Protein backbone atom coordinates (compact mmCIF):
# COMPACT_ATOMS: atom_id res chain seq x y z
CA UNK A 1 -14.03 -0.74 -21.31
CA UNK A 2 -11.62 2.20 -21.10
CA UNK A 3 -8.84 2.40 -23.68
CA UNK A 4 -5.62 3.98 -22.40
CA UNK A 5 -2.53 4.37 -24.57
CA UNK A 6 -3.94 1.85 -27.03
CA UNK A 7 -4.59 -0.79 -24.33
CA UNK A 8 -7.91 -2.07 -23.07
CA UNK A 9 -8.07 -1.70 -19.30
CA UNK A 10 -10.84 -3.66 -17.63
CA UNK A 11 -11.79 -2.05 -14.31
CA UNK A 12 -11.50 -4.39 -11.34
CA UNK A 13 -12.29 -1.82 -8.63
CA UNK A 14 -13.93 1.47 -9.60
CA UNK A 15 -12.97 4.91 -8.30
CA UNK A 16 -16.25 4.98 -6.37
CA UNK A 17 -15.62 1.59 -4.73
CA UNK A 18 -12.11 2.66 -3.75
CA UNK A 19 -13.27 5.98 -2.29
CA UNK A 20 -15.94 4.27 -0.20
CA UNK A 21 -13.52 1.63 1.04
CA UNK A 22 -10.93 4.30 1.95
CA UNK A 23 -13.54 6.09 4.09
CA UNK A 24 -14.48 2.83 5.80
CA UNK A 25 -10.86 1.86 6.47
CA UNK A 26 -10.13 5.34 7.87
CA UNK A 27 -12.90 4.91 10.44
CA UNK A 28 -11.50 1.50 11.42
CA UNK A 29 -7.97 2.93 11.71
CA UNK A 30 -9.21 5.89 13.77
CA UNK A 31 -10.79 3.41 16.19
CA UNK A 32 -7.53 1.43 16.48
CA UNK A 33 -4.22 2.17 18.23
CA UNK A 34 -3.53 5.72 17.11
CA UNK A 35 -1.63 7.44 19.92
CA UNK A 36 1.02 9.67 18.36
CA UNK A 37 0.36 8.12 14.95
CA UNK A 38 3.02 8.20 12.25
CA UNK A 39 1.84 7.14 8.80
CA UNK A 40 4.58 5.80 6.51
CA UNK A 41 3.70 5.37 2.86
CA UNK A 42 5.78 2.81 0.98
CA UNK A 43 6.65 4.33 -2.37
CA UNK A 44 6.12 4.33 -5.25
CA UNK A 45 2.92 2.43 -5.91
CA UNK A 46 1.07 3.55 -2.79
CA UNK A 47 1.26 7.30 -3.38
CA UNK A 48 -2.33 7.84 -4.58
CA UNK A 49 -3.86 5.37 -2.13
CA UNK A 50 -1.84 6.85 0.73
CA UNK A 51 -2.90 10.41 -0.12
CA UNK A 52 -6.58 9.48 -0.29
CA UNK A 53 -6.45 7.34 2.87
CA UNK A 54 -4.63 10.07 4.80
CA UNK A 55 -7.29 12.62 3.77
CA UNK A 56 -9.96 10.14 4.92
CA UNK A 57 -8.09 9.76 8.23
CA UNK A 58 -8.25 13.54 8.62
CA UNK A 59 -12.00 13.43 7.94
CA UNK A 60 -12.25 10.74 10.66
CA UNK A 61 -10.64 13.03 13.21
CA UNK A 62 -6.99 11.97 13.01
CA UNK A 63 -4.06 14.26 12.28
CA UNK A 64 -1.13 11.89 11.81
CA UNK A 65 2.37 12.85 10.83
CA UNK A 66 3.26 11.52 7.38
CA UNK A 67 6.53 10.05 6.10
CA UNK A 68 7.66 8.15 3.04
CA UNK A 69 9.99 5.22 2.58
CA UNK A 70 11.17 3.70 -0.68
CA UNK A 71 12.09 0.02 -0.56
CA UNK A 72 13.29 -2.30 -3.27
CA UNK A 73 13.07 -6.08 -3.40
CA UNK A 74 15.89 -7.83 -5.14
CA UNK A 75 16.71 -11.38 -6.14
CA UNK A 76 14.56 -13.91 -7.95
CA UNK A 77 14.46 -17.67 -8.19
CA UNK A 78 17.43 -19.34 -6.53
CA UNK A 79 19.24 -16.05 -5.88
CA UNK A 80 19.18 -14.72 -2.32
CA UNK A 81 16.15 -12.52 -1.86
CA UNK A 82 16.11 -9.36 0.21
CA UNK A 83 14.86 -5.84 0.59
CA UNK A 84 16.94 -2.70 0.59
CA UNK A 85 16.14 0.84 1.63
CA UNK A 86 16.35 3.32 -1.25
CA UNK A 87 15.01 6.31 0.72
CA UNK A 88 14.54 6.14 4.47
CA UNK A 89 12.24 8.11 6.74
CA UNK A 90 13.53 11.06 8.75
CA UNK A 91 11.28 10.69 11.81
CA UNK A 92 12.05 8.83 15.00
CA UNK A 93 9.53 6.01 15.51
CA UNK A 94 10.52 5.22 19.10
CA UNK A 95 7.44 4.74 21.30
CA UNK A 96 5.07 5.68 18.46
CA UNK A 97 2.22 3.93 16.72
CA UNK A 98 3.15 3.43 13.07
CA UNK A 99 0.79 2.76 10.19
CA UNK A 100 2.51 1.40 7.07
CA UNK A 101 0.54 2.05 3.88
CA UNK A 102 1.24 0.10 0.69
CA UNK A 103 -0.60 -0.50 -2.53
CA UNK A 104 -0.55 -4.29 -2.56
CA UNK A 105 0.42 -7.09 -0.20
CA UNK A 106 1.67 -9.91 -2.37
CA UNK A 107 4.71 -11.95 -1.31
CA UNK A 108 4.92 -10.10 2.01
CA UNK A 109 8.70 -9.66 1.88
CA UNK A 110 8.76 -5.88 1.59
CA UNK A 111 6.10 -5.15 4.19
CA UNK A 112 7.53 -7.71 6.63
CA UNK A 113 10.92 -6.02 6.26
CA UNK A 114 9.36 -2.59 6.89
CA UNK A 115 7.36 -3.80 9.88
CA UNK A 116 10.36 -5.48 11.50
CA UNK A 117 12.49 -2.39 10.80
CA UNK A 118 10.02 -0.13 12.61
CA UNK A 119 9.94 -2.49 15.62
CA UNK A 120 13.75 -2.64 15.65
CA UNK A 121 13.74 1.16 15.78
CA UNK A 122 11.47 1.13 18.82
CA UNK A 123 7.94 1.59 17.49
CA UNK A 124 5.29 0.83 20.09
CA UNK A 125 2.89 -0.66 17.56
CA UNK A 126 3.05 -1.23 13.79
CA UNK A 127 -0.06 -1.82 11.71
CA UNK A 128 -0.40 -2.26 7.96
CA UNK A 129 -3.01 -0.88 5.55
CA UNK A 130 -3.04 -2.07 1.95
CA UNK A 131 -5.36 -1.30 -0.90
CA UNK A 132 -5.09 -4.83 -2.30
CA UNK A 133 -4.35 -8.17 -0.67
CA UNK A 134 -3.20 -10.82 -3.13
CA UNK A 135 -2.95 -13.65 -0.64
CA UNK A 136 -2.46 -16.33 -3.31
CA UNK A 137 1.10 -14.95 -3.81
CA UNK A 138 2.05 -14.82 -0.10
CA UNK A 139 5.51 -16.16 0.74
CA UNK A 140 5.87 -14.67 4.22
CA UNK A 141 3.66 -15.14 7.25
CA UNK A 142 2.17 -11.65 7.25
CA UNK A 143 -1.34 -10.26 7.15
CA UNK A 144 -2.45 -6.65 6.79
CA UNK A 145 -4.50 -5.11 9.57
CA UNK A 146 -6.59 -3.07 7.14
CA UNK A 147 -7.39 -4.31 3.62
CA UNK A 148 -9.22 -2.44 0.91
CA UNK A 149 -9.96 -5.40 -1.35
CA UNK A 150 -8.98 -9.02 -1.86
CA UNK A 151 -7.26 -9.11 -5.25
CA UNK A 152 -7.54 -12.06 -7.62
CA UNK A 153 -4.33 -13.30 -9.22
CA UNK A 154 -4.17 -10.61 -11.91
CA UNK A 155 -1.46 -8.11 -12.73
CA UNK A 156 -3.22 -4.84 -11.88
CA UNK A 157 -2.57 -1.22 -12.83
CA UNK A 158 -4.01 2.15 -11.95
CA UNK A 159 -4.52 4.13 -8.76
CA UNK A 160 -0.75 4.45 -8.40
CA UNK A 161 0.24 1.02 -9.69
CA UNK A 162 2.02 0.74 -13.00
CA UNK A 163 3.48 -1.37 -15.74
CA UNK A 164 6.70 0.15 -17.08
CA UNK A 165 5.80 3.48 -15.41
CA UNK A 166 2.47 3.70 -17.27
CA UNK A 167 -1.14 3.76 -16.03
CA UNK A 168 -0.41 5.11 -12.51
CA UNK A 169 -2.80 8.02 -13.15
CA UNK A 170 -5.93 5.91 -13.64
CA UNK A 171 -8.60 6.63 -11.00
CA UNK A 172 -9.48 2.93 -10.75
CA UNK A 173 -7.65 -0.40 -10.43
CA UNK A 174 -7.80 -2.42 -13.61
CA UNK A 175 -6.38 -5.26 -15.61
CA UNK A 176 -4.69 -4.75 -18.99
CA UNK A 177 -6.61 -7.07 -21.30
CA UNK A 178 -4.93 -6.34 -24.64
CA UNK A 179 -4.76 -3.89 -27.51
CA UNK A 180 -7.73 -1.75 -28.44
C-alpha cells in the first residue's frame, strides 16, 4: 500500500486500469455525436482525467476544441443549494456538440447545472463523461453518457481529486485509510 505524506492510500483503480478505460471511452465518444465537438472540462478535479481523455480522443481520430469551466456548489442541509460559475468558458456553444468532462458524478447538481446551461446557450447536443460514477449519492435525475468506473461510497483521492488540496498528483484513484 503506497504511503503518501504519512497517509496510507489504498488504490481503488490503478493507473493502468484508468489508462485502458480512457482509451475505451475515447473510442465510444468518437463513435457518438461529435460534429463540431467542444470538450469542456469542469475544474478543478477533472484536470488530469480530462487531459488524458482528450489525448485518447486525439488517438481515436478526433480533434475537439477544449475549454474549461469552474463551478462551485454552495449550501448544505436546509440552506438553499445551488451552483455558481467561478470561471466561464469563452467559446460559443450554439449549434455545437458539447462533451462535459468531470472527475466524479455524485449528487448530480453541478453537472446538471452545466448541462442545462449549455442547452440554454444553444448547444445542439450535450453529453457527459466522468471518471467515477458514485450513484449511491445521486440527488438529481442525471446519468453520465460515458463512465470510467462505478465508485463505491468512499471518499477518493488521486488522479486530480484531492483532500485539502493534497493527493491530486497520484497516478491512481485511492482511498485514504489512515496514518502510516
